[in-house]
Amino acid sequence: MTRVLLVDDHAVVRSGCRRILEPFPDLEVAEAADGPTALAALAAAPADVVVLDLSMPGMGGLEVLRRLRAADDPARVLIFSMHDDPLLAASGLQAGASGYVTKGDAPGELAAAIRRIADGGTYLSREVAQGMAMARTLDEPADRMTPREREIAALLVEGHMLADIAAALSISYKTVANTLVRLRGKLGARSNAGLVRRLMERGPRLNRPEQE
């Protein structure tokens, strides 16, 4: 059972999310209408995944996220926002979120993101991932990433699992895993989740080679 806490100041949004998640018996859903209520609820009954709105009156979502990370709360955070601004998404990842989806995404994407994050992965909706990749200027020269590394990095940032990346590129799982080990070394990341955050923070251009 995955315990989910929905944090949004709009009751209609919480109700809509609950209806989306009701068909999944492995998801146990609770609600909070604001930041302080969410923090109190998590202190009383820890959650596995917090689905967090950013634009709330009083204590905003980013502040809730910072407080959770400062308190070493183990809950993984999925930002669920009406905004598809790539800079806002990057700020959420830097603050410690594990994923970002928008309220305009397909309903099934919310459940997919929650499950991916609960399993220890990261998740960005495709539009957000592409926007973040396009919005950044290079901190690292492009030639420090090989074309294959950039293909794999782009798919990882979009939220694909390693097996899915291997299938999409018609390469072995081992090739994907070894490539990510090299990328983690280049960018100083300790895990694939950390690599995603580092890629977004440093702003490498992740366009596929055929798109350049």
N, C-alpha and C. Protein backbone atom coordinates (compact mmCIF):
# COMPACT_ATOMS: atom_id res chain seq x y z
N MET A 1 0.84 -1.20 0.00
CA MET A 1 0.00 0.00 0.00
C MET A 1 0.87 1.25 0.00
N THR A 2 0.61 2.17 -0.91
CA THR A 2 1.32 3.44 -0.98
C THR A 2 0.44 4.53 -0.39
N ARG A 3 0.94 5.18 0.64
CA ARG A 3 0.18 6.24 1.30
C ARG A 3 0.45 7.56 0.61
N VAL A 4 -0.62 8.22 0.17
CA VAL A 4 -0.51 9.46 -0.61
C VAL A 4 -1.21 10.58 0.15
N LEU A 5 -0.55 11.73 0.25
CA LEU A 5 -1.17 12.91 0.83
C LEU A 5 -1.33 13.96 -0.26
N LEU A 6 -2.59 14.34 -0.57
CA LEU A 6 -2.88 15.38 -1.54
C LEU A 6 -2.92 16.72 -0.82
N VAL A 7 -2.09 17.67 -1.26
CA VAL A 7 -2.04 18.98 -0.61
C VAL A 7 -2.40 20.04 -1.63
N ASP A 8 -3.59 20.60 -1.51
CA ASP A 8 -4.07 21.64 -2.44
C ASP A 8 -5.14 22.44 -1.73
N ASP A 9 -5.13 23.75 -1.93
CA ASP A 9 -6.11 24.58 -1.23
C ASP A 9 -7.48 24.58 -1.91
N HIS A 10 -7.61 23.96 -3.06
CA HIS A 10 -8.89 23.91 -3.75
C HIS A 10 -9.54 22.54 -3.54
N ALA A 11 -10.69 22.54 -2.90
CA ALA A 11 -11.38 21.28 -2.61
C ALA A 11 -11.74 20.54 -3.88
N VAL A 12 -12.10 21.27 -4.94
CA VAL A 12 -12.50 20.61 -6.18
C VAL A 12 -11.32 19.88 -6.81
N VAL A 13 -10.11 20.43 -6.65
CA VAL A 13 -8.91 19.76 -7.18
C VAL A 13 -8.64 18.49 -6.39
N ARG A 14 -8.72 18.59 -5.06
CA ARG A 14 -8.50 17.39 -4.23
C ARG A 14 -9.52 16.31 -4.56
N SER A 15 -10.78 16.72 -4.74
CA SER A 15 -11.83 15.76 -5.05
C SER A 15 -11.57 15.11 -6.40
N GLY A 16 -11.13 15.91 -7.38
CA GLY A 16 -10.84 15.37 -8.70
C GLY A 16 -9.68 14.38 -8.67
N CYS A 17 -8.64 14.73 -7.91
CA CYS A 17 -7.50 13.82 -7.78
C CYS A 17 -7.90 12.52 -7.11
N ARG A 18 -8.73 12.62 -6.08
CA ARG A 18 -9.17 11.42 -5.38
C ARG A 18 -9.94 10.50 -6.33
N ARG A 19 -10.80 11.09 -7.18
CA ARG A 19 -11.55 10.26 -8.13
C ARG A 19 -10.61 9.58 -9.13
N ILE A 20 -9.55 10.30 -9.53
CA ILE A 20 -8.58 9.71 -10.46
C ILE A 20 -7.88 8.52 -9.83
N LEU A 21 -7.58 8.64 -8.53
CA LEU A 21 -6.79 7.62 -7.85
C LEU A 21 -7.62 6.50 -7.25
N GLU A 22 -8.93 6.69 -7.12
CA GLU A 22 -9.79 5.67 -6.51
C GLU A 22 -9.71 4.30 -7.16
N PRO A 23 -9.56 4.20 -8.50
CA PRO A 23 -9.52 2.86 -9.10
C PRO A 23 -8.28 2.05 -8.74
N PHE A 24 -7.31 2.66 -8.07
CA PHE A 24 -6.06 1.97 -7.75
C PHE A 24 -6.08 1.55 -6.28
N PRO A 25 -6.36 0.28 -6.01
CA PRO A 25 -6.50 -0.17 -4.62
C PRO A 25 -5.21 -0.12 -3.82
N ASP A 26 -4.07 0.02 -4.50
CA ASP A 26 -2.79 0.07 -3.79
C ASP A 26 -2.45 1.48 -3.32
N LEU A 27 -3.30 2.46 -3.64
CA LEU A 27 -3.05 3.84 -3.23
C LEU A 27 -4.04 4.24 -2.14
N GLU A 28 -3.52 4.59 -0.98
CA GLU A 28 -4.34 5.06 0.14
C GLU A 28 -4.20 6.58 0.21
N VAL A 29 -5.29 7.31 0.04
CA VAL A 29 -5.24 8.76 -0.17
C VAL A 29 -5.80 9.52 1.02
N ALA A 30 -5.02 10.53 1.48
CA ALA A 30 -5.48 11.49 2.49
C ALA A 30 -5.35 12.89 1.89
N GLU A 31 -5.92 13.89 2.56
CA GLU A 31 -5.95 15.24 2.01
C GLU A 31 -5.52 16.27 3.04
N ALA A 32 -4.98 17.39 2.54
CA ALA A 32 -4.69 18.56 3.38
C ALA A 32 -4.94 19.79 2.53
N ALA A 33 -5.53 20.82 3.16
CA ALA A 33 -5.94 22.01 2.41
C ALA A 33 -4.91 23.12 2.41
N ASP A 34 -3.84 22.99 3.21
CA ASP A 34 -2.82 24.03 3.23
C ASP A 34 -1.51 23.46 3.78
N GLY A 35 -0.47 24.28 3.74
CA GLY A 35 0.85 23.83 4.15
C GLY A 35 0.94 23.40 5.61
N PRO A 36 0.52 24.23 6.56
CA PRO A 36 0.60 23.84 7.96
C PRO A 36 -0.17 22.55 8.27
N THR A 37 -1.36 22.41 7.67
CA THR A 37 -2.14 21.20 7.88
C THR A 37 -1.41 19.98 7.32
N ALA A 38 -0.76 20.16 6.18
CA ALA A 38 -0.01 19.06 5.58
C ALA A 38 1.14 18.63 6.48
N LEU A 39 1.89 19.59 7.01
CA LEU A 39 3.02 19.26 7.87
C LEU A 39 2.55 18.55 9.14
N ALA A 40 1.44 19.01 9.69
CA ALA A 40 0.90 18.36 10.88
C ALA A 40 0.42 16.94 10.56
N ALA A 41 -0.22 16.77 9.40
CA ALA A 41 -0.70 15.45 9.02
C ALA A 41 0.46 14.48 8.82
N LEU A 42 1.56 14.96 8.23
CA LEU A 42 2.71 14.11 8.00
C LEU A 42 3.41 13.74 9.31
N ALA A 43 3.40 14.65 10.26
CA ALA A 43 3.99 14.35 11.56
C ALA A 43 3.18 13.28 12.30
N ALA A 44 1.85 13.30 12.09
CA ALA A 44 0.99 12.33 12.77
C ALA A 44 0.93 10.99 12.05
N ALA A 45 0.95 11.03 10.72
CA ALA A 45 0.83 9.80 9.92
C ALA A 45 1.68 9.97 8.67
N PRO A 46 2.90 9.48 8.68
CA PRO A 46 3.81 9.67 7.54
C PRO A 46 3.21 9.13 6.24
N ALA A 47 3.53 9.82 5.14
CA ALA A 47 3.09 9.40 3.81
C ALA A 47 4.28 8.94 2.99
N ASP A 48 4.01 8.14 1.97
CA ASP A 48 5.06 7.72 1.05
C ASP A 48 5.28 8.77 -0.04
N VAL A 49 4.17 9.34 -0.52
CA VAL A 49 4.25 10.35 -1.58
C VAL A 49 3.34 11.51 -1.21
N VAL A 50 3.88 12.72 -1.33
CA VAL A 50 3.09 13.94 -1.13
C VAL A 50 2.87 14.58 -2.49
N VAL A 51 1.61 14.72 -2.88
CA VAL A 51 1.26 15.41 -4.13
C VAL A 51 0.99 16.86 -3.75
N LEU A 52 1.87 17.75 -4.17
CA LEU A 52 1.94 19.09 -3.58
C LEU A 52 1.70 20.19 -4.60
N ASP A 53 0.70 21.00 -4.34
CA ASP A 53 0.47 22.21 -5.14
C ASP A 53 1.47 23.28 -4.71
N LEU A 54 1.91 24.12 -5.64
CA LEU A 54 2.85 25.18 -5.30
C LEU A 54 2.16 26.46 -4.89
N SER A 55 1.05 26.78 -5.54
CA SER A 55 0.40 28.08 -5.35
C SER A 55 -0.70 27.99 -4.30
N MET A 56 -0.30 28.08 -3.04
CA MET A 56 -1.27 28.06 -1.95
C MET A 56 -1.10 29.32 -1.12
N PRO A 57 -2.19 29.86 -0.58
CA PRO A 57 -2.08 31.05 0.26
C PRO A 57 -1.33 30.72 1.56
N GLY A 58 -0.67 31.72 2.10
CA GLY A 58 0.09 31.49 3.33
C GLY A 58 1.39 30.78 3.01
N MET A 59 1.54 29.57 3.52
CA MET A 59 2.73 28.78 3.27
C MET A 59 2.62 28.09 1.91
N GLY A 60 3.44 28.51 0.95
CA GLY A 60 3.40 27.94 -0.39
C GLY A 60 4.02 26.56 -0.44
N GLY A 61 3.84 25.90 -1.58
CA GLY A 61 4.32 24.55 -1.72
C GLY A 61 5.82 24.41 -1.60
N LEU A 62 6.59 25.36 -2.16
CA LEU A 62 8.04 25.27 -2.06
C LEU A 62 8.52 25.36 -0.62
N GLU A 63 7.84 26.17 0.17
CA GLU A 63 8.21 26.27 1.59
C GLU A 63 7.89 24.97 2.32
N VAL A 64 6.75 24.36 1.99
CA VAL A 64 6.43 23.06 2.58
C VAL A 64 7.51 22.04 2.22
N LEU A 65 7.91 22.05 0.96
CA LEU A 65 8.95 21.12 0.50
C LEU A 65 10.27 21.35 1.23
N ARG A 66 10.66 22.59 1.37
CA ARG A 66 11.92 22.90 2.08
C ARG A 66 11.86 22.43 3.53
N ARG A 67 10.72 22.62 4.17
CA ARG A 67 10.60 22.19 5.57
C ARG A 67 10.65 20.66 5.70
N LEU A 68 10.06 19.98 4.74
CA LEU A 68 10.12 18.51 4.76
C LEU A 68 11.56 18.04 4.60
N ARG A 69 12.29 18.64 3.68
CA ARG A 69 13.68 18.23 3.47
C ARG A 69 14.55 18.61 4.66
N ALA A 70 14.29 19.78 5.26
CA ALA A 70 15.08 20.20 6.42
C ALA A 70 14.85 19.27 7.60
N ALA A 71 13.65 18.71 7.69
CA ALA A 71 13.31 17.79 8.78
C ALA A 71 13.65 16.35 8.45
N ASP A 72 14.26 16.13 7.29
CA ASP A 72 14.61 14.77 6.83
C ASP A 72 13.39 13.86 6.75
N ASP A 73 12.25 14.44 6.41
CA ASP A 73 11.05 13.63 6.22
C ASP A 73 11.27 12.74 4.99
N PRO A 74 11.04 11.43 5.10
CA PRO A 74 11.33 10.52 3.99
C PRO A 74 10.31 10.57 2.86
N ALA A 75 9.21 11.28 3.04
CA ALA A 75 8.18 11.32 1.99
C ALA A 75 8.77 11.88 0.70
N ARG A 76 8.42 11.23 -0.41
CA ARG A 76 8.83 11.73 -1.71
C ARG A 76 7.75 12.67 -2.22
N VAL A 77 8.17 13.72 -2.90
CA VAL A 77 7.25 14.80 -3.26
C VAL A 77 7.06 14.88 -4.77
N LEU A 78 5.80 14.88 -5.18
CA LEU A 78 5.42 15.12 -6.57
C LEU A 78 4.73 16.47 -6.63
N ILE A 79 5.33 17.42 -7.33
CA ILE A 79 4.68 18.72 -7.50
C ILE A 79 3.58 18.57 -8.55
N PHE A 80 2.41 19.09 -8.19
CA PHE A 80 1.23 19.02 -9.06
C PHE A 80 0.71 20.45 -9.20
N SER A 81 1.07 21.10 -10.31
CA SER A 81 0.87 22.53 -10.43
C SER A 81 0.09 22.89 -11.69
N MET A 82 -0.57 24.03 -11.66
CA MET A 82 -1.23 24.54 -12.86
C MET A 82 -0.22 25.17 -13.82
N HIS A 83 1.01 25.40 -13.36
CA HIS A 83 2.02 26.07 -14.16
C HIS A 83 2.95 25.06 -14.84
N ASP A 84 3.25 25.27 -16.13
CA ASP A 84 4.21 24.43 -16.82
C ASP A 84 5.52 25.17 -17.06
N ASP A 85 5.79 26.19 -16.25
CA ASP A 85 7.01 26.98 -16.36
C ASP A 85 8.22 26.10 -16.03
N PRO A 86 9.17 25.93 -16.97
CA PRO A 86 10.32 25.06 -16.70
C PRO A 86 11.20 25.57 -15.57
N LEU A 87 11.27 26.88 -15.37
CA LEU A 87 12.09 27.41 -14.28
C LEU A 87 11.46 27.06 -12.92
N LEU A 88 10.15 27.07 -12.87
CA LEU A 88 9.46 26.69 -11.64
C LEU A 88 9.67 25.20 -11.36
N ALA A 89 9.62 24.40 -12.41
CA ALA A 89 9.87 22.97 -12.24
C ALA A 89 11.29 22.72 -11.74
N ALA A 90 12.26 23.44 -12.31
CA ALA A 90 13.65 23.29 -11.88
C ALA A 90 13.81 23.68 -10.42
N SER A 91 13.10 24.73 -9.99
CA SER A 91 13.17 25.15 -8.59
C SER A 91 12.65 24.06 -7.67
N GLY A 92 11.58 23.39 -8.10
CA GLY A 92 11.04 22.31 -7.30
C GLY A 92 12.01 21.14 -7.18
N LEU A 93 12.67 20.79 -8.27
CA LEU A 93 13.64 19.70 -8.22
C LEU A 93 14.82 20.07 -7.34
N GLN A 94 15.29 21.31 -7.46
CA GLN A 94 16.41 21.76 -6.64
C GLN A 94 16.05 21.72 -5.16
N ALA A 95 14.78 22.00 -4.85
CA ALA A 95 14.33 22.01 -3.45
C ALA A 95 14.13 20.60 -2.90
N GLY A 96 14.18 19.59 -3.77
CA GLY A 96 14.08 18.21 -3.29
C GLY A 96 12.90 17.41 -3.77
N ALA A 97 12.13 17.94 -4.72
CA ALA A 97 11.02 17.16 -5.27
C ALA A 97 11.56 16.04 -6.15
N SER A 98 10.77 15.00 -6.30
CA SER A 98 11.15 13.87 -7.15
C SER A 98 10.41 13.87 -8.48
N GLY A 99 9.48 14.79 -8.67
CA GLY A 99 8.75 14.83 -9.93
C GLY A 99 7.90 16.07 -10.05
N TYR A 100 7.41 16.30 -11.27
CA TYR A 100 6.61 17.49 -11.56
C TYR A 100 5.64 17.15 -12.67
N VAL A 101 4.35 17.28 -12.40
CA VAL A 101 3.33 17.15 -13.43
C VAL A 101 2.40 18.35 -13.30
N THR A 102 1.68 18.65 -14.37
CA THR A 102 0.78 19.80 -14.34
C THR A 102 -0.67 19.34 -14.30
N LYS A 103 -1.52 20.23 -13.90
CA LYS A 103 -2.95 19.92 -13.81
C LYS A 103 -3.58 19.82 -15.19
N GLY A 104 -2.84 20.20 -16.22
CA GLY A 104 -3.32 20.05 -17.58
C GLY A 104 -2.92 18.74 -18.23
N ASP A 105 -2.11 17.93 -17.53
CA ASP A 105 -1.70 16.64 -18.08
C ASP A 105 -2.86 15.64 -18.04
N ALA A 106 -2.73 14.58 -18.82
CA ALA A 106 -3.76 13.53 -18.84
C ALA A 106 -3.95 12.95 -17.45
N PRO A 107 -5.19 12.62 -17.06
CA PRO A 107 -5.45 12.12 -15.71
C PRO A 107 -4.60 10.93 -15.32
N GLY A 108 -4.36 10.01 -16.26
CA GLY A 108 -3.57 8.83 -15.94
C GLY A 108 -2.13 9.13 -15.58
N GLU A 109 -1.66 10.31 -15.96
CA GLU A 109 -0.27 10.65 -15.69
C GLU A 109 -0.05 10.86 -14.19
N LEU A 110 -1.05 11.31 -13.48
CA LEU A 110 -0.90 11.52 -12.04
C LEU A 110 -0.62 10.20 -11.33
N ALA A 111 -1.41 9.19 -11.62
CA ALA A 111 -1.20 7.88 -10.99
C ALA A 111 0.14 7.29 -11.40
N ALA A 112 0.51 7.43 -12.67
CA ALA A 112 1.79 6.91 -13.14
C ALA A 112 2.95 7.59 -12.42
N ALA A 113 2.85 8.90 -12.24
CA ALA A 113 3.90 9.64 -11.56
C ALA A 113 4.02 9.22 -10.10
N ILE A 114 2.89 9.07 -9.42
CA ILE A 114 2.91 8.65 -8.01
C ILE A 114 3.58 7.29 -7.86
N ARG A 115 3.23 6.36 -8.73
CA ARG A 115 3.81 5.02 -8.64
C ARG A 115 5.30 5.04 -8.94
N ARG A 116 5.70 5.80 -9.94
CA ARG A 116 7.11 5.87 -10.29
C ARG A 116 7.92 6.43 -9.12
N ILE A 117 7.42 7.49 -8.52
CA ILE A 117 8.13 8.13 -7.42
C ILE A 117 8.14 7.23 -6.19
N ALA A 118 7.03 6.57 -5.93
CA ALA A 118 6.97 5.66 -4.78
C ALA A 118 7.97 4.52 -4.92
N ASP A 119 8.29 4.15 -6.15
CA ASP A 119 9.26 3.08 -6.41
C ASP A 119 10.70 3.59 -6.39
N GLY A 120 10.88 4.87 -6.09
CA GLY A 120 12.23 5.41 -5.99
C GLY A 120 12.71 6.13 -7.22
N GLY A 121 11.85 6.26 -8.23
CA GLY A 121 12.25 6.94 -9.46
C GLY A 121 11.91 8.42 -9.45
N THR A 122 12.12 9.04 -10.60
CA THR A 122 11.74 10.43 -10.79
C THR A 122 10.74 10.50 -11.94
N TYR A 123 9.97 11.59 -12.01
CA TYR A 123 8.97 11.69 -13.06
C TYR A 123 8.77 13.15 -13.43
N LEU A 124 8.92 13.43 -14.71
CA LEU A 124 8.57 14.73 -15.27
C LEU A 124 7.65 14.49 -16.45
N SER A 125 6.56 15.23 -16.53
CA SER A 125 5.72 15.11 -17.71
C SER A 125 6.54 15.53 -18.92
N ARG A 126 6.23 14.97 -20.07
CA ARG A 126 7.04 15.20 -21.26
C ARG A 126 7.16 16.69 -21.59
N GLU A 127 6.05 17.42 -21.50
CA GLU A 127 6.09 18.84 -21.86
C GLU A 127 7.02 19.62 -20.93
N VAL A 128 6.97 19.29 -19.64
CA VAL A 128 7.83 19.98 -18.68
C VAL A 128 9.29 19.63 -18.93
N ALA A 129 9.56 18.35 -19.16
CA ALA A 129 10.94 17.92 -19.41
C ALA A 129 11.51 18.60 -20.64
N GLN A 130 10.73 18.66 -21.71
CA GLN A 130 11.21 19.29 -22.92
C GLN A 130 11.40 20.79 -22.72
N GLY A 131 10.48 21.40 -22.00
CA GLY A 131 10.60 22.83 -21.75
C GLY A 131 11.83 23.17 -20.93
N MET A 132 12.14 22.33 -19.94
CA MET A 132 13.32 22.57 -19.11
C MET A 132 14.60 22.41 -19.93
N ALA A 133 14.62 21.40 -20.79
CA ALA A 133 15.81 21.17 -21.60
C ALA A 133 16.03 22.33 -22.57
N MET A 134 14.96 22.85 -23.12
CA MET A 134 15.08 23.93 -24.10
C MET A 134 15.35 25.28 -23.46
N ALA A 135 14.93 25.46 -22.21
CA ALA A 135 15.02 26.76 -21.57
C ALA A 135 16.39 27.09 -21.03
N ARG A 136 17.23 26.07 -20.86
CA ARG A 136 18.51 26.28 -20.20
C ARG A 136 19.62 26.64 -21.17
N THR A 137 20.55 27.43 -20.73
CA THR A 137 21.78 27.64 -21.47
C THR A 137 22.83 26.69 -20.92
N LEU A 138 23.84 26.43 -21.69
CA LEU A 138 24.82 25.43 -21.31
C LEU A 138 25.76 25.93 -20.23
N ASP A 139 25.91 25.15 -19.18
CA ASP A 139 27.01 25.34 -18.23
C ASP A 139 28.17 24.43 -18.63
N GLU A 140 27.83 23.27 -19.21
CA GLU A 140 28.84 22.31 -19.66
C GLU A 140 28.92 22.36 -21.17
N PRO A 141 30.12 22.42 -21.77
CA PRO A 141 30.22 22.37 -23.23
C PRO A 141 29.54 21.12 -23.77
N ALA A 142 28.84 21.27 -24.91
CA ALA A 142 28.08 20.16 -25.46
C ALA A 142 28.95 18.96 -25.79
N ASP A 143 30.22 19.21 -26.16
CA ASP A 143 31.05 18.08 -26.57
C ASP A 143 31.52 17.23 -25.40
N ARG A 144 31.18 17.61 -24.15
CA ARG A 144 31.52 16.77 -23.01
C ARG A 144 30.53 15.62 -22.85
N MET A 145 29.41 15.68 -23.55
CA MET A 145 28.45 14.58 -23.57
C MET A 145 28.42 14.03 -24.98
N THR A 146 28.60 12.73 -25.10
CA THR A 146 28.53 12.11 -26.41
C THR A 146 27.07 12.10 -26.89
N PRO A 147 26.85 11.93 -28.20
CA PRO A 147 25.46 11.85 -28.68
C PRO A 147 24.64 10.79 -27.96
N ARG A 148 25.25 9.61 -27.70
CA ARG A 148 24.53 8.55 -27.01
C ARG A 148 24.21 8.96 -25.58
N GLU A 149 25.16 9.60 -24.89
CA GLU A 149 24.92 10.05 -23.53
C GLU A 149 23.77 11.05 -23.50
N ARG A 150 23.72 11.91 -24.48
CA ARG A 150 22.67 12.92 -24.51
C ARG A 150 21.30 12.30 -24.80
N GLU A 151 21.26 11.29 -25.66
CA GLU A 151 20.00 10.58 -25.90
C GLU A 151 19.48 9.94 -24.62
N ILE A 152 20.37 9.24 -23.93
CA ILE A 152 19.98 8.55 -22.71
C ILE A 152 19.59 9.55 -21.62
N ALA A 153 20.36 10.64 -21.52
CA ALA A 153 20.05 11.67 -20.52
C ALA A 153 18.68 12.28 -20.78
N ALA A 154 18.35 12.53 -22.05
CA ALA A 154 17.06 13.13 -22.39
C ALA A 154 15.91 12.23 -21.96
N LEU A 155 16.05 10.94 -22.22
CA LEU A 155 14.99 10.00 -21.84
C LEU A 155 14.89 9.85 -20.32
N LEU A 156 16.03 9.88 -19.64
CA LEU A 156 16.02 9.79 -18.18
C LEU A 156 15.31 11.00 -17.59
N VAL A 157 15.60 12.18 -18.10
CA VAL A 157 14.97 13.41 -17.61
C VAL A 157 13.47 13.37 -17.85
N GLU A 158 13.03 12.74 -18.94
CA GLU A 158 11.60 12.64 -19.22
C GLU A 158 10.90 11.66 -18.29
N GLY A 159 11.68 10.90 -17.49
CA GLY A 159 11.08 10.02 -16.50
C GLY A 159 11.04 8.55 -16.88
N HIS A 160 11.73 8.16 -17.95
CA HIS A 160 11.71 6.76 -18.38
C HIS A 160 12.60 5.89 -17.49
N MET A 161 12.19 4.66 -17.26
CA MET A 161 12.99 3.69 -16.54
C MET A 161 14.11 3.18 -17.45
N LEU A 162 15.15 2.58 -16.83
CA LEU A 162 16.30 2.15 -17.62
C LEU A 162 15.92 1.12 -18.68
N ALA A 163 15.06 0.18 -18.32
CA ALA A 163 14.64 -0.84 -19.29
C ALA A 163 13.90 -0.21 -20.46
N ASP A 164 13.09 0.81 -20.18
CA ASP A 164 12.36 1.49 -21.25
C ASP A 164 13.32 2.25 -22.16
N ILE A 165 14.36 2.87 -21.58
CA ILE A 165 15.35 3.58 -22.37
C ILE A 165 16.07 2.61 -23.30
N ALA A 166 16.44 1.46 -22.77
CA ALA A 166 17.13 0.45 -23.57
C ALA A 166 16.26 0.02 -24.75
N ALA A 167 14.98 -0.21 -24.49
CA ALA A 167 14.08 -0.64 -25.55
C ALA A 167 13.89 0.46 -26.59
N ALA A 168 13.75 1.71 -26.12
CA ALA A 168 13.51 2.82 -27.05
C ALA A 168 14.70 3.05 -27.98
N LEU A 169 15.92 2.81 -27.48
CA LEU A 169 17.12 3.07 -28.27
C LEU A 169 17.71 1.80 -28.89
N SER A 170 17.04 0.67 -28.66
CA SER A 170 17.50 -0.62 -29.18
C SER A 170 18.93 -0.94 -28.74
N ILE A 171 19.18 -0.74 -27.46
CA ILE A 171 20.47 -1.08 -26.87
C ILE A 171 20.21 -1.91 -25.62
N SER A 172 21.27 -2.46 -25.06
CA SER A 172 21.09 -3.32 -23.89
C SER A 172 20.90 -2.50 -22.62
N TYR A 173 20.27 -3.14 -21.64
CA TYR A 173 20.10 -2.52 -20.33
C TYR A 173 21.47 -2.17 -19.75
N LYS A 174 22.44 -3.06 -19.93
CA LYS A 174 23.78 -2.84 -19.39
C LYS A 174 24.42 -1.60 -19.99
N THR A 175 24.19 -1.37 -21.30
CA THR A 175 24.75 -0.17 -21.94
C THR A 175 24.16 1.09 -21.33
N VAL A 176 22.85 1.07 -21.09
CA VAL A 176 22.19 2.22 -20.45
C VAL A 176 22.76 2.45 -19.06
N ALA A 177 22.85 1.37 -18.27
CA ALA A 177 23.34 1.49 -16.90
C ALA A 177 24.78 2.01 -16.87
N ASN A 178 25.64 1.47 -17.74
CA ASN A 178 27.04 1.91 -17.77
C ASN A 178 27.16 3.36 -18.21
N THR A 179 26.33 3.76 -19.16
CA THR A 179 26.36 5.16 -19.62
C THR A 179 25.97 6.10 -18.49
N LEU A 180 24.97 5.71 -17.71
CA LEU A 180 24.54 6.56 -16.61
C LEU A 180 25.60 6.63 -15.51
N VAL A 181 26.35 5.55 -15.32
CA VAL A 181 27.46 5.58 -14.37
C VAL A 181 28.48 6.63 -14.81
N ARG A 182 28.81 6.65 -16.11
CA ARG A 182 29.76 7.66 -16.63
C ARG A 182 29.21 9.06 -16.45
N LEU A 183 27.92 9.25 -16.75
CA LEU A 183 27.33 10.58 -16.61
C LEU A 183 27.32 11.03 -15.15
N ARG A 184 27.02 10.12 -14.24
CA ARG A 184 27.05 10.48 -12.82
C ARG A 184 28.45 10.93 -12.42
N GLY A 185 29.46 10.25 -12.95
CA GLY A 185 30.84 10.66 -12.66
C GLY A 185 31.16 12.02 -13.23
N LYS A 186 30.71 12.29 -14.44
CA LYS A 186 30.99 13.58 -15.08
C LYS A 186 30.34 14.74 -14.33
N LEU A 187 29.12 14.50 -13.85
CA LEU A 187 28.35 15.58 -13.23
C LEU A 187 28.32 15.51 -11.71
N GLY A 188 29.04 14.56 -11.13
CA GLY A 188 29.15 14.50 -9.68
C GLY A 188 27.87 14.13 -8.97
N ALA A 189 27.08 13.23 -9.56
CA ALA A 189 25.83 12.78 -8.95
C ALA A 189 26.02 11.40 -8.35
N ARG A 190 25.35 11.12 -7.23
CA ARG A 190 25.49 9.84 -6.56
C ARG A 190 24.44 8.82 -6.97
N SER A 191 23.37 9.28 -7.58
CA SER A 191 22.28 8.39 -7.97
C SER A 191 21.67 8.91 -9.26
N ASN A 192 20.80 8.11 -9.87
CA ASN A 192 20.13 8.57 -11.08
C ASN A 192 19.17 9.73 -10.78
N ALA A 193 18.53 9.68 -9.61
CA ALA A 193 17.66 10.80 -9.23
C ALA A 193 18.50 12.07 -9.07
N GLY A 194 19.66 11.93 -8.46
CA GLY A 194 20.56 13.08 -8.33
C GLY A 194 21.06 13.55 -9.67
N LEU A 195 21.27 12.61 -10.60
CA LEU A 195 21.72 12.98 -11.94
C LEU A 195 20.66 13.82 -12.65
N VAL A 196 19.39 13.43 -12.51
CA VAL A 196 18.31 14.21 -13.13
C VAL A 196 18.32 15.63 -12.59
N ARG A 197 18.45 15.76 -11.27
CA ARG A 197 18.46 17.10 -10.68
C ARG A 197 19.68 17.89 -11.17
N ARG A 198 20.84 17.24 -11.23
CA ARG A 198 22.05 17.93 -11.66
C ARG A 198 21.95 18.38 -13.11
N LEU A 199 21.37 17.54 -13.96
CA LEU A 199 21.18 17.92 -15.36
C LEU A 199 20.29 19.16 -15.47
N MET A 200 19.25 19.19 -14.63
CA MET A 200 18.35 20.34 -14.68
C MET A 200 19.00 21.59 -14.08
N GLU A 201 19.76 21.41 -13.02
CA GLU A 201 20.42 22.54 -12.37
C GLU A 201 21.49 23.15 -13.26
N ARG A 202 22.30 22.30 -13.90
CA ARG A 202 23.42 22.78 -14.68
C ARG A 202 23.02 23.19 -16.07
N GLY A 203 21.86 22.69 -16.52
CA GLY A 203 21.33 23.14 -17.79
C GLY A 203 21.95 22.58 -19.04
N PRO A 204 22.33 21.30 -19.09
CA PRO A 204 22.83 20.79 -20.35
C PRO A 204 21.74 20.72 -21.41
N ARG A 205 22.10 20.94 -22.67
CA ARG A 205 21.16 20.86 -23.77
C ARG A 205 20.97 19.40 -24.10
N LEU A 206 19.74 18.88 -23.95
CA LEU A 206 19.50 17.46 -24.08
C LEU A 206 18.79 17.11 -25.40
N ASN A 207 18.75 18.06 -26.34
CA ASN A 207 18.14 17.74 -27.60
C ASN A 207 18.77 16.50 -28.22
N ARG A 208 17.96 15.64 -28.79
CA ARG A 208 18.51 14.47 -29.45
C ARG A 208 19.36 14.93 -30.63
N PRO A 209 20.42 14.21 -30.99
CA PRO A 209 21.31 14.63 -32.06
C PRO A 209 20.58 14.89 -33.37
N GLU A 210 19.57 14.07 -33.69
CA GLU A 210 18.88 14.26 -34.96
C GLU A 210 18.04 15.51 -35.00
N GLN A 211 17.82 16.13 -33.79
CA GLN A 211 17.02 17.35 -33.74
C GLN A 211 17.87 18.59 -33.88
N GLU A 212 19.17 18.48 -33.84
CA GLU A 212 20.05 19.65 -33.83
C GLU A 212 20.29 20.16 -35.24
